[in-house]
C-alpha atoms as a PDB file:
ATOM      1  CA  MET A   1       0.000   0.000   0.000  1.00  0.00           C
ATOM      2  CA  PHE A   2       1.164   3.526  -0.786  1.00  0.00           C
ATOM      3  CA  ILE A   3       0.222   6.744   1.006  1.00  0.00           C
ATOM      4  CA  ILE A   4       0.583  10.008  -0.921  1.00  0.00           C
ATOM      5  CA  THR A   5       2.179  12.564   1.407  1.00  0.00           C
ATOM      6  CA  ARG A   6       3.016  15.524  -0.865  1.00  0.00           C
ATOM      7  CA  VAL A   7       2.170  16.823  -4.345  1.00  0.00           C
ATOM      8  CA  ARG A   8       3.809  18.972  -7.021  1.00  0.00           C
ATOM      9  CA  PHE A   9       1.807  21.327  -9.242  1.00  0.00           C
ATOM     10  CA  LYS A  10       2.513  22.952 -12.592  1.00  0.00           C
ATOM     11  CA  ASN A  11       0.544  25.846 -14.111  1.00  0.00           C
ATOM     12  CA  GLY A  12      -2.163  25.935 -11.439  1.00  0.00           C
ATOM     13  CA  LYS A  13      -3.370  24.493  -8.157  1.00  0.00           C
ATOM     14  CA  GLN A  14      -6.193  22.116  -9.132  1.00  0.00           C
ATOM     15  CA  HIS A  15      -6.185  18.316  -9.401  1.00  0.00           C
ATOM     16  CA  GLU A  16      -5.404  18.382 -13.105  1.00  0.00           C
ATOM     17  CA  HIS A  17      -2.283  20.487 -12.376  1.00  0.00           C
ATOM     18  CA  ILE A  18      -0.669  17.854 -10.127  1.00  0.00           C
ATOM     19  CA  THR A  19       2.343  16.508 -12.017  1.00  0.00           C
ATOM     20  CA  HIS A  20       4.115  14.436  -9.356  1.00  0.00           C
ATOM     21  CA  VAL A  21       3.394  12.896  -5.982  1.00  0.00           C
ATOM     22  CA  GLU A  22       5.547  11.752  -3.107  1.00  0.00           C
ATOM     23  CA  MET A  23       4.441   8.393  -1.737  1.00  0.00           C
ATOM     24  CA  TYR A  24       5.298   6.396   1.348  1.00  0.00           C
ATOM     25  CA  SER A  25       5.325   2.607   0.965  1.00  0.00           C
ATOM     26  CA  THR A  26       3.865   0.851   3.984  1.00  0.00           C
ATOM     27  CA  VAL A  27       5.598  -2.344   2.830  1.00  0.00           C
ATOM     28  CA  ASP A  28       9.248  -1.289   2.540  1.00  0.00           C
ATOM     29  CA  LYS A  29       8.922   1.895   4.666  1.00  0.00           C
ATOM     30  CA  LYS A  30      10.486   4.093   1.963  1.00  0.00           C
ATOM     31  CA  THR A  31       9.394   7.376   0.423  1.00  0.00           C
ATOM     32  CA  ASP A  32       9.768   8.075  -3.277  1.00  0.00           C
ATOM     33  CA  SER A  33       8.321  10.440  -5.853  1.00  0.00           C
ATOM     34  CA  CYS A  34       6.725   9.580  -9.170  1.00  0.00           C
ATOM     35  CA  SER A  35       4.709  11.207 -11.914  1.00  0.00           C
ATOM     36  CA  VAL A  36       0.927  11.216 -12.037  1.00  0.00           C
ATOM     37  CA  ALA A  37       1.242   9.170 -15.238  1.00  0.00           C
ATOM     38  CA  ASP A  38       2.999   6.486 -13.169  1.00  0.00           C
ATOM     39  CA  VAL A  39       0.217   6.575 -10.563  1.00  0.00           C
ATOM     40  CA  VAL A  40      -2.414   6.254 -13.301  1.00  0.00           C
ATOM     41  CA  ALA A  41      -0.564   3.287 -14.838  1.00  0.00           C
ATOM     42  CA  TYR A  42      -0.293   1.587 -11.432  1.00  0.00           C
ATOM     43  CA  LEU A  43      -3.993   2.082 -10.703  1.00  0.00           C
ATOM     44  CA  ARG A  44      -4.992   0.784 -14.129  1.00  0.00           C
ATOM     45  CA  LYS A  45      -3.028  -2.374 -13.420  1.00  0.00           C
ATOM     46  CA  HIS A  46      -3.944  -2.856  -9.732  1.00  0.00           C
ATOM     47  CA  GLU A  47      -7.168  -0.786  -9.403  1.00  0.00           C
ATOM     48  CA  THR A  48      -6.366   0.111  -5.791  1.00  0.00           C
ATOM     49  CA  GLY A  49      -3.484   0.475  -3.359  1.00  0.00           C
ATOM     50  CA  ILE A  50      -2.772   4.215  -3.347  1.00  0.00           C
ATOM     51  CA  TYR A  51      -4.345   6.392  -0.666  1.00  0.00           C
ATOM     52  CA  VAL A  52      -4.243   9.699   1.190  1.00  0.00           C
ATOM     53  CA  LYS A  53      -4.534   9.721   4.975  1.00  0.00           C
ATOM     54  CA  ASP A  54      -7.406  11.667   6.521  1.00  0.00           C
ATOM     55  CA  GLY A  55      -7.055  11.156  10.244  1.00  0.00           C
ATOM     56  CA  ASP A  56      -7.392   7.403  10.760  1.00  0.00           C
ATOM     57  CA  LYS A  57      -8.987   6.844   7.351  1.00  0.00           C
ATOM     58  CA  ASN A  58      -7.294   5.831   4.117  1.00  0.00           C
ATOM     59  CA  ILE A  59      -9.001   7.737   1.289  1.00  0.00           C
ATOM     60  CA  PRO A  60      -8.533   5.956  -2.061  1.00  0.00           C
ATOM     61  CA  ILE A  61      -7.024   7.608  -5.116  1.00  0.00           C
ATOM     62  CA  VAL A  62      -9.026   7.274  -8.328  1.00  0.00           C
ATOM     63  CA  ILE A  63      -8.373   8.151 -11.958  1.00  0.00           C
ATOM     64  CA  VAL A  64     -10.334  10.946 -13.595  1.00  0.00           C
ATOM     65  CA  GLU A  65     -10.553  10.078 -17.272  1.00  0.00           C
ATOM     66  CA  ALA A  66      -9.583  13.294 -19.041  1.00  0.00           C
ATOM     67  CA  ASP A  67      -6.950  14.250 -21.578  1.00  0.00           C
ATOM     68  CA  PRO A  68      -4.536  13.647 -19.947  1.00  0.00           C
ATOM     69  CA  PRO A  69      -5.941  11.558 -17.073  1.00  0.00           C
ATOM     70  CA  TYR A  70      -5.422  12.911 -13.566  1.00  0.00           C
ATOM     71  CA  ILE A  71      -5.990  11.717 -10.015  1.00  0.00           C
ATOM     72  CA  ARG A  72      -8.361  12.632  -7.191  1.00  0.00           C
ATOM     73  CA  THR A  73      -9.514  11.151  -3.930  1.00  0.00           C
ATOM     74  CA  LYS A  74     -12.874   9.498  -3.479  1.00  0.00           C
ATOM     75  CA  ALA A  75     -14.365   9.208   0.002  1.00  0.00           C
ATOM     76  CA  ASP A  76     -17.767   7.685   0.715  1.00  0.00           C
ATOM     77  CA  GLY A  77     -18.534   7.581  -3.004  1.00  0.00           C
ATOM     78  CA  LYS A  78     -17.838  11.299  -3.547  1.00  0.00           C
ATOM     79  CA  LEU A  79     -14.862  12.986  -5.198  1.00  0.00           C
ATOM     80  CA  THR A  80     -12.959  14.962  -2.559  1.00  0.00           C
ATOM     81  CA  ASN A  81     -10.112  17.499  -2.327  1.00  0.00           C
ATOM     82  CA  ASN A  82      -7.720  15.635  -0.019  1.00  0.00           C
ATOM     83  CA  LEU A  83      -4.834  15.883  -2.493  1.00  0.00           C
ATOM     84  CA  LEU A  84      -5.137  19.670  -2.717  1.00  0.00           C
ATOM     85  CA  SER A  85      -4.639  20.037   1.033  1.00  0.00           C
ATOM     86  CA  LEU A  86      -1.340  18.115   1.099  1.00  0.00           C
ATOM     87  CA  PRO A  87       2.020  19.888   1.390  1.00  0.00           C
ATOM     88  CA  THR A  88       3.929  20.535  -1.817  1.00  0.00           C
ATOM     89  CA  PHE A  89       7.474  19.596  -2.770  1.00  0.00           C
END
């Protein structure tokens, strides 16, 4: 499982402007950064496994099918802004 801890934006501050994320692996206890394209590819292959923490909850990351695709969080069946409230790097 991966937890997104920080985001990087380009040309704006909305979900579609996130270009990279920093993720913490709960398996190997390491932090690494990757592009949103990499996150999208991972989710297309595995469908789940990348989250944002909101207190004790793990909020899943989902793909928004656009051109190009981007990522958002989805809590209780609703798209949410958890990624936008994370620190930047």
